[in-house]
Amino acid sequence: MSRRARWAVVVLVLALAGVVALWPRTPDPDPVPPPNGSTGQESNARTKSPEDVLLMRNQAALRPCPRGEGGPPRLQGVQVTCLGDGERLDVATALSGRVLVNFWATWCVPCQEELKVLDAYAQQPGAIPVLAVLVESKEADGLELLAKLGVHLPAVFDEADAVRKAVRPRPGLPLSYLVGADGALTEITDPVVLTSVEQVREVVG
């Protein structure tokens, strides 16, 4: 390579270095925000305090959880939380005598209409007691939904899913059982979802 060619290469390298040094740099991209545009701090803020839960409990204004004696033998000793007052109780004592028990969750869309039907039935003359069992959800979310729906059924929160584990039902929600006077549990399968007060009357006999 001639002297002139070598100098040309040097000049070209220096020119490229200058361009790189002077090229405007873009700022680092902003971090991707959490889903729905929320921040971690906002997510923490959504955690309900005991005061928030108490307020929701008052707004829901649920009817008291029944407390009797006996109940289904397989459910005796299973502890749940009464959504109406926040007290712990043995779920079997809430299922003494003939009772219609309904399992539901806040994410279950058919459950919402069924809860309203069951609440309407429970207020009819001659109706047997109805107990709603909240599963796979948060207590505060359950109270909030019941208040929104205007449903005031006696309800318990089964945070450990212990009631369903003891009953060992089919998968899926909603799910209803009829508790007999002898404590036997019979799953209601026809229909799976109760859509009218008349249907409830038919299945409870």
Protein backbone atom coordinates (compact mmCIF):
# COMPACT_ATOMS: atom_id res chain seq x y z
CA MET A 1 0.00 0.00 0.00
CA SER A 2 1.37 3.42 -0.99
CA ARG A 3 1.93 6.23 1.51
CA ARG A 4 -1.02 8.13 0.00
CA ALA A 5 -3.35 5.12 0.45
CA ARG A 6 -2.27 4.64 4.10
CA TRP A 7 -3.01 8.30 4.88
CA ALA A 8 -6.42 7.96 3.24
CA VAL A 9 -7.24 5.01 5.52
CA VAL A 10 -6.13 6.96 8.63
CA VAL A 11 -8.24 9.97 7.67
CA LEU A 12 -11.27 7.73 7.06
CA VAL A 13 -10.92 6.02 10.48
CA LEU A 14 -10.59 9.38 12.26
CA ALA A 15 -13.63 10.72 10.43
CA LEU A 16 -15.73 7.71 11.45
CA ALA A 17 -14.61 8.07 15.07
CA GLY A 18 -15.69 11.71 15.05
CA VAL A 19 -19.10 10.85 13.65
CA VAL A 20 -19.65 8.22 16.36
CA ALA A 21 -18.57 10.62 19.10
CA LEU A 22 -20.92 13.36 17.89
CA TRP A 23 -23.92 11.11 17.10
CA PRO A 24 -26.87 12.00 19.40
CA ARG A 25 -27.65 9.26 21.88
CA THR A 26 -31.24 8.29 22.65
CA PRO A 27 -32.14 8.01 26.33
CA ASP A 28 -32.66 4.60 27.87
CA PRO A 29 -36.23 3.39 27.35
CA ASP A 30 -38.63 3.74 30.25
CA PRO A 31 -39.36 0.51 32.13
CA VAL A 32 -42.48 -1.29 30.99
CA PRO A 33 -45.26 -0.47 33.47
CA PRO A 34 -47.22 -3.25 35.17
CA PRO A 35 -50.46 -4.36 33.51
CA ASN A 36 -53.30 -1.83 33.36
CA GLY A 37 -50.82 1.00 33.77
CA SER A 38 -50.52 0.41 37.51
CA THR A 39 -47.36 0.64 39.57
CA GLY A 40 -46.14 -1.66 42.29
CA GLN A 41 -47.06 0.96 44.88
CA GLU A 42 -50.60 1.14 43.51
CA SER A 43 -50.89 -2.64 43.67
CA ASN A 44 -49.89 -2.60 47.32
CA ALA A 45 -52.39 0.18 47.94
CA ARG A 46 -55.15 -2.11 46.70
CA THR A 47 -54.56 -4.50 49.58
CA LYS A 48 -57.56 -4.02 51.82
CA SER A 49 -56.91 -3.02 55.42
CA PRO A 50 -58.96 -4.47 58.29
CA GLU A 51 -60.82 -1.15 58.40
CA ASP A 52 -61.66 -1.49 54.68
CA VAL A 53 -62.95 -5.04 55.22
CA LEU A 54 -65.08 -3.87 58.16
CA LEU A 55 -66.56 -1.10 56.02
CA MET A 56 -67.38 -3.59 53.25
CA ARG A 57 -68.89 -5.94 55.82
CA ASN A 58 -71.19 -3.17 57.01
CA GLN A 59 -72.11 -2.25 53.43
CA ALA A 60 -72.90 -5.87 52.54
CA ALA A 61 -75.27 -6.14 55.54
CA LEU A 62 -75.47 -9.92 55.35
CA ARG A 63 -77.93 -11.88 57.42
CA PRO A 64 -76.37 -13.67 60.43
CA CYS A 65 -74.75 -17.05 59.94
CA PRO A 66 -76.96 -19.77 61.45
CA ARG A 67 -75.50 -21.64 64.40
CA GLY A 68 -77.13 -24.87 65.44
CA GLU A 69 -76.12 -28.32 66.61
CA GLY A 70 -75.05 -31.39 64.72
CA GLY A 71 -74.79 -30.89 60.99
CA PRO A 72 -73.06 -33.12 58.42
CA PRO A 73 -70.61 -35.42 60.27
CA ARG A 74 -67.96 -35.08 57.56
CA LEU A 75 -67.92 -31.29 58.03
CA GLN A 76 -67.73 -31.21 61.81
CA GLY A 77 -64.60 -29.39 62.94
CA VAL A 78 -64.10 -27.58 59.61
CA GLN A 79 -63.51 -23.92 60.45
CA VAL A 80 -64.67 -21.05 58.24
CA THR A 81 -65.22 -17.30 58.65
CA CYS A 82 -68.71 -15.86 58.81
CA LEU A 83 -68.75 -13.03 56.27
CA GLY A 84 -71.49 -11.26 58.19
CA ASP A 85 -69.53 -10.67 61.41
CA GLY A 86 -65.99 -11.92 60.73
CA GLU A 87 -66.20 -14.57 63.46
CA ARG A 88 -64.84 -18.08 63.06
CA LEU A 89 -67.26 -20.98 63.29
CA ASP A 90 -67.59 -24.70 62.72
CA VAL A 91 -69.33 -24.89 59.35
CA ALA A 92 -71.29 -27.97 60.42
CA THR A 93 -73.15 -25.87 63.01
CA ALA A 94 -74.32 -23.59 60.18
CA LEU A 95 -75.71 -26.60 58.30
CA SER A 96 -77.92 -28.06 61.00
CA GLY A 97 -81.20 -29.42 59.64
CA ARG A 98 -82.28 -29.04 56.02
CA VAL A 99 -80.09 -26.41 54.33
CA LEU A 100 -79.26 -25.47 50.76
CA VAL A 101 -75.52 -24.78 50.54
CA ASN A 102 -74.08 -22.97 47.52
CA PHE A 103 -70.38 -22.71 46.60
CA TRP A 104 -69.41 -19.61 44.62
CA ALA A 105 -66.46 -17.40 43.68
CA THR A 106 -66.10 -13.76 42.64
CA TRP A 107 -64.77 -14.73 39.19
CA CYS A 108 -67.73 -17.06 38.48
CA VAL A 109 -70.21 -15.17 36.28
CA PRO A 110 -73.10 -17.71 36.52
CA CYS A 111 -72.70 -17.63 40.31
CA GLN A 112 -73.74 -13.98 40.42
CA GLU A 113 -77.19 -14.53 38.93
CA GLU A 114 -77.66 -17.69 40.96
CA LEU A 115 -76.86 -15.84 44.20
CA LYS A 116 -79.60 -13.32 43.43
CA VAL A 117 -82.07 -16.14 42.77
CA LEU A 118 -81.12 -17.89 46.02
CA ASP A 119 -81.45 -14.65 47.96
CA ALA A 120 -84.93 -14.11 46.54
CA TYR A 121 -85.88 -17.71 47.37
CA ALA A 122 -84.59 -17.43 50.95
CA GLN A 123 -87.02 -14.58 51.60
CA GLN A 124 -90.06 -16.60 50.50
CA PRO A 125 -92.45 -18.08 53.09
CA GLY A 126 -91.57 -21.69 53.85
CA ALA A 127 -88.05 -21.47 52.38
CA ILE A 128 -85.34 -23.61 53.94
CA PRO A 129 -82.12 -21.87 55.05
CA VAL A 130 -79.53 -21.07 52.38
CA LEU A 131 -75.80 -20.75 53.12
CA ALA A 132 -73.39 -19.29 50.54
CA VAL A 133 -69.78 -20.52 50.73
CA LEU A 134 -67.15 -18.24 49.17
CA VAL A 135 -64.15 -20.09 47.70
CA GLU A 136 -61.15 -19.29 45.47
CA SER A 137 -61.52 -15.57 46.22
CA LYS A 138 -60.53 -12.88 48.69
CA GLU A 139 -62.82 -12.05 51.59
CA ALA A 140 -62.93 -8.34 50.74
CA ASP A 141 -63.72 -9.05 47.09
CA GLY A 142 -66.55 -11.36 48.10
CA LEU A 143 -68.08 -8.76 50.42
CA GLU A 144 -67.75 -6.09 47.75
CA LEU A 145 -69.51 -8.23 45.15
CA LEU A 146 -72.34 -9.21 47.49
CA ALA A 147 -72.93 -5.54 48.30
CA LYS A 148 -72.93 -4.70 44.59
CA LEU A 149 -75.41 -7.49 43.83
CA GLY A 150 -77.64 -6.56 46.75
CA VAL A 151 -77.45 -10.14 48.04
CA HIS A 152 -77.79 -10.51 51.82
CA LEU A 153 -77.65 -14.28 52.22
CA PRO A 154 -75.84 -15.73 55.23
CA ALA A 155 -72.37 -16.47 53.88
CA VAL A 156 -69.07 -17.94 55.02
CA PHE A 157 -65.55 -17.58 53.66
CA ASP A 158 -63.71 -20.87 53.16
CA GLU A 159 -60.20 -19.51 52.61
CA ALA A 160 -58.56 -22.96 52.86
CA ASP A 161 -61.17 -24.62 50.60
CA ALA A 162 -61.60 -27.10 53.45
CA VAL A 163 -65.35 -27.51 52.99
CA ARG A 164 -65.10 -28.56 49.35
CA LYS A 165 -62.18 -30.87 50.15
CA ALA A 166 -64.33 -32.59 52.75
CA VAL A 167 -67.31 -32.84 50.38
CA ARG A 168 -65.13 -33.86 47.39
CA PRO A 169 -67.46 -32.53 44.69
CA ARG A 170 -67.13 -32.45 40.93
CA PRO A 171 -64.90 -29.68 39.50
CA GLY A 172 -66.42 -26.35 38.57
CA LEU A 173 -68.66 -23.62 39.94
CA PRO A 174 -71.37 -22.86 40.82
CA LEU A 175 -72.04 -25.90 42.94
CA SER A 176 -75.01 -26.56 45.22
CA TYR A 177 -75.83 -29.23 47.79
CA LEU A 178 -78.94 -30.05 49.73
CA VAL A 179 -78.23 -31.00 53.33
CA GLY A 180 -80.82 -33.42 54.70
CA ALA A 181 -82.21 -33.50 58.22
CA ASP A 182 -79.88 -36.46 58.88
CA GLY A 183 -76.81 -34.49 57.75
CA ALA A 184 -76.47 -36.26 54.39
CA LEU A 185 -75.32 -34.10 51.48
CA THR A 186 -76.88 -34.49 48.03
CA GLU A 187 -75.43 -32.61 45.07
CA ILE A 188 -77.92 -30.69 42.94
CA THR A 189 -77.16 -31.58 39.32
CA ASP A 190 -80.45 -30.91 37.53
CA PRO A 191 -80.18 -28.05 36.94
CA VAL A 192 -76.53 -27.27 37.67
CA VAL A 193 -77.29 -23.53 37.78
CA LEU A 194 -80.47 -22.42 39.51
CA THR A 195 -82.02 -19.64 37.46
CA SER A 196 -85.40 -19.08 39.12
CA VAL A 197 -87.08 -19.24 42.51
CA GLU A 198 -89.41 -21.90 41.10
CA GLN A 199 -86.43 -24.12 40.26
CA VAL A 200 -85.10 -23.77 43.79
CA ARG A 201 -88.47 -24.76 45.24
CA GLU A 202 -88.53 -27.85 43.02
CA VAL A 203 -85.05 -29.09 43.96
CA VAL A 204 -85.51 -28.61 47.71
CA GLY A 205 -88.94 -30.32 47.62
